[in-house]
Amino acid sequence: MVIDILIEAGVLILVLTALALTCLVLANARPPRGPGR
């Protein structure tokens, strides 16, 4: 049903956002290595 698809899509979005947030936190925690800064 459509509800099942929406639930699965919501779970995938939550997982992706959680991974993105953890990556940002790890990137901000370690010292920047980018050139120019």
PDB file of N, CA and C in Angstrom:
ATOM      1  N   MET A   1       0.840  -1.207   0.000  1.00  0.00           N
ATOM      2  CA  MET A   1       0.000   0.000   0.000  1.00  0.00           C
ATOM      3  C   MET A   1       0.875   1.258   0.000  1.00  0.00           C
ATOM      4  N   VAL A   2       0.229   2.381  -0.220  1.00  0.00           N
ATOM      5  CA  VAL A   2       0.969   3.639  -0.276  1.00  0.00           C
ATOM      6  C   VAL A   2       1.550   3.976   1.097  1.00  0.00           C
ATOM      7  N   ILE A   3       0.831   3.623   2.154  1.00  0.00           N
ATOM      8  CA  ILE A   3       1.306   3.940   3.507  1.00  0.00           C
ATOM      9  C   ILE A   3       2.619   3.218   3.788  1.00  0.00           C
ATOM     10  N   ASP A   4       2.734   1.979   3.359  1.00  0.00           N
ATOM     11  CA  ASP A   4       3.976   1.237   3.581  1.00  0.00           C
ATOM     12  C   ASP A   4       5.137   1.916   2.859  1.00  0.00           C
ATOM     13  N   ILE A   5       4.893   2.364   1.632  1.00  0.00           N
ATOM     14  CA  ILE A   5       5.959   3.028   0.862  1.00  0.00           C
ATOM     15  C   ILE A   5       6.370   4.316   1.568  1.00  0.00           C
ATOM     16  N   LEU A   6       5.389   5.071   2.075  1.00  0.00           N
ATOM     17  CA  LEU A   6       5.715   6.324   2.764  1.00  0.00           C
ATOM     18  C   LEU A   6       6.519   6.045   4.030  1.00  0.00           C
ATOM     19  N   ILE A   7       6.159   5.014   4.752  1.00  0.00           N
ATOM     20  CA  ILE A   7       6.883   4.679   5.986  1.00  0.00           C
ATOM     21  C   ILE A   7       8.321   4.287   5.646  1.00  0.00           C
ATOM     22  N   GLU A   8       8.494   3.455   4.633  1.00  0.00           N
ATOM     23  CA  GLU A   8       9.850   3.042   4.261  1.00  0.00           C
ATOM     24  C   GLU A   8      10.663   4.238   3.787  1.00  0.00           C
ATOM     25  N   ALA A   9      10.038   5.129   3.011  1.00  0.00           N
ATOM     26  CA  ALA A   9      10.751   6.319   2.540  1.00  0.00           C
ATOM     27  C   ALA A   9      11.133   7.197   3.732  1.00  0.00           C
ATOM     28  N   GLY A  10      10.243   7.330   4.707  1.00  0.00           N
ATOM     29  CA  GLY A  10      10.549   8.146   5.885  1.00  0.00           C
ATOM     30  C   GLY A  10      11.711   7.559   6.665  1.00  0.00           C
ATOM     31  N   VAL A  11      11.739   6.237   6.794  1.00  0.00           N
ATOM     32  CA  VAL A  11      12.847   5.595   7.517  1.00  0.00           C
ATOM     33  C   VAL A  11      14.157   5.824   6.773  1.00  0.00           C
ATOM     34  N   LEU A  12      14.127   5.677   5.455  1.00  0.00           N
ATOM     35  CA  LEU A  12      15.350   5.893   4.674  1.00  0.00           C
ATOM     36  C   LEU A  12      15.834   7.329   4.828  1.00  0.00           C
ATOM     37  N   ILE A  13      14.905   8.290   4.786  1.00  0.00           N
ATOM     38  CA  ILE A  13      15.286   9.702   4.928  1.00  0.00           C
ATOM     39  C   ILE A  13      15.886   9.942   6.315  1.00  0.00           C
ATOM     40  N   LEU A  14      15.282   9.345   7.340  1.00  0.00           N
ATOM     41  CA  LEU A  14      15.820   9.524   8.697  1.00  0.00           C
ATOM     42  C   LEU A  14      17.224   8.941   8.797  1.00  0.00           C
ATOM     43  N   VAL A  15      17.435   7.776   8.217  1.00  0.00           N
ATOM     44  CA  VAL A  15      18.765   7.157   8.278  1.00  0.00           C
ATOM     45  C   VAL A  15      19.782   8.008   7.522  1.00  0.00           C
ATOM     46  N   LEU A  16      19.402   8.484   6.335  1.00  0.00           N
ATOM     47  CA  LEU A  16      20.336   9.300   5.545  1.00  0.00           C
ATOM     48  C   LEU A  16      20.678  10.589   6.274  1.00  0.00           C
ATOM     49  N   THR A  17      19.665  11.239   6.871  1.00  0.00           N
ATOM     50  CA  THR A  17      19.935  12.493   7.586  1.00  0.00           C
ATOM     51  C   THR A  17      20.818  12.216   8.806  1.00  0.00           C
ATOM     52  N   ALA A  18      20.583  11.105   9.485  1.00  0.00           N
ATOM     53  CA  ALA A  18      21.414  10.772  10.650  1.00  0.00           C
ATOM     54  C   ALA A  18      22.866  10.560  10.218  1.00  0.00           C
ATOM     55  N   LEU A  19      23.074   9.861   9.112  1.00  0.00           N
ATOM     56  CA  LEU A  19      24.436   9.646   8.627  1.00  0.00           C
ATOM     57  C   LEU A  19      25.082  10.973   8.236  1.00  0.00           C
ATOM     58  N   ALA A  20      24.318  11.839   7.571  1.00  0.00           N
ATOM     59  CA  ALA A  20      24.866  13.135   7.157  1.00  0.00           C
ATOM     60  C   ALA A  20      25.244  13.965   8.385  1.00  0.00           C
ATOM     61  N   LEU A  21      24.391  13.951   9.418  1.00  0.00           N
ATOM     62  CA  LEU A  21      24.696  14.722  10.629  1.00  0.00           C
ATOM     63  C   LEU A  21      25.941  14.175  11.311  1.00  0.00           C
ATOM     64  N   THR A  22      26.072  12.868  11.403  1.00  0.00           N
ATOM     65  CA  THR A  22      27.259  12.293  12.043  1.00  0.00           C
ATOM     66  C   THR A  22      28.514  12.637  11.241  1.00  0.00           C
ATOM     67  N   CYS A  23      28.416  12.609   9.927  1.00  0.00           N
ATOM     68  CA  CYS A  23      29.573  12.971   9.099  1.00  0.00           C
ATOM     69  C   CYS A  23      29.954  14.429   9.337  1.00  0.00           C
ATOM     70  N   LEU A  24      28.956  15.323   9.424  1.00  0.00           N
ATOM     71  CA  LEU A  24      29.247  16.731   9.669  1.00  0.00           C
ATOM     72  C   LEU A  24      29.887  16.913  11.039  1.00  0.00           C
ATOM     73  N   VAL A  25      29.381  16.213  12.036  1.00  0.00           N
ATOM     74  CA  VAL A  25      29.947  16.341  13.394  1.00  0.00           C
ATOM     75  C   VAL A  25      31.392  15.856  13.405  1.00  0.00           C
ATOM     76  N   LEU A  26      31.657  14.722  12.747  1.00  0.00           N
ATOM     77  CA  LEU A  26      33.026  14.211  12.706  1.00  0.00           C
ATOM     78  C   LEU A  26      33.933  15.164  11.931  1.00  0.00           C
ATOM     79  N   ALA A  27      33.426  15.739  10.858  1.00  0.00           N
ATOM     80  CA  ALA A  27      34.237  16.669  10.060  1.00  0.00           C
ATOM     81  C   ALA A  27      34.539  17.934  10.857  1.00  0.00           C
ATOM     82  N   ASN A  28      33.566  18.384  11.673  1.00  0.00           N
ATOM     83  CA  ASN A  28      33.787  19.592  12.469  1.00  0.00           C
ATOM     84  C   ASN A  28      34.658  19.296  13.686  1.00  0.00           C
ATOM     85  N   ALA A  29      34.624  18.067  14.183  1.00  0.00           N
ATOM     86  CA  ALA A  29      35.383  17.727  15.383  1.00  0.00           C
ATOM     87  C   ALA A  29      36.888  17.701  15.071  1.00  0.00           C
ATOM     88  N   ARG A  30      37.252  17.128  13.944  1.00  0.00           N
ATOM     89  CA  ARG A  30      38.682  17.040  13.613  1.00  0.00           C
ATOM     90  C   ARG A  30      39.149  18.363  12.990  1.00  0.00           C
ATOM     91  N   PRO A  31      40.430  18.688  13.134  1.00  0.00           N
ATOM     92  CA  PRO A  31      40.941  19.967  12.589  1.00  0.00           C
ATOM     93  C   PRO A  31      40.838  19.988  11.062  1.00  0.00           C
ATOM     94  N   PRO A  32      40.504  21.138  10.514  1.00  0.00           N
ATOM     95  CA  PRO A  32      40.344  21.240   9.040  1.00  0.00           C
ATOM     96  C   PRO A  32      41.677  21.069   8.327  1.00  0.00           C
ATOM     97  N   ARG A  33      41.654  20.338   7.231  1.00  0.00           N
ATOM     98  CA  ARG A  33      42.872  20.135   6.444  1.00  0.00           C
ATOM     99  C   ARG A  33      42.767  20.816   5.076  1.00  0.00           C
ATOM    100  N   GLY A  34      41.675  21.558   4.848  1.00  0.00           N
ATOM    101  CA  GLY A  34      41.457  22.174   3.536  1.00  0.00           C
ATOM    102  C   GLY A  34      42.499  23.241   3.242  1.00  0.00           C
ATOM    103  N   PRO A  35      42.883  23.394   1.988  1.00  0.00           N
ATOM    104  CA  PRO A  35      43.874  24.421   1.600  1.00  0.00           C
ATOM    105  C   PRO A  35      43.295  25.817   1.737  1.00  0.00           C
ATOM    106  N   GLY A  36      44.130  26.768   2.144  1.00  0.00           N
ATOM    107  CA  GLY A  36      43.667  28.160   2.238  1.00  0.00           C
ATOM    108  C   GLY A  36      43.144  28.518   3.609  1.00  0.00           C
ATOM    109  N   ARG A  37      42.927  27.537   4.489  1.00  0.00           N
ATOM    110  CA  ARG A  37      42.421  27.883   5.836  1.00  0.00           C
ATOM    111  C   ARG A  37      43.312  27.210   6.886  1.00  0.00           C
TER     112      ARG A  37
END
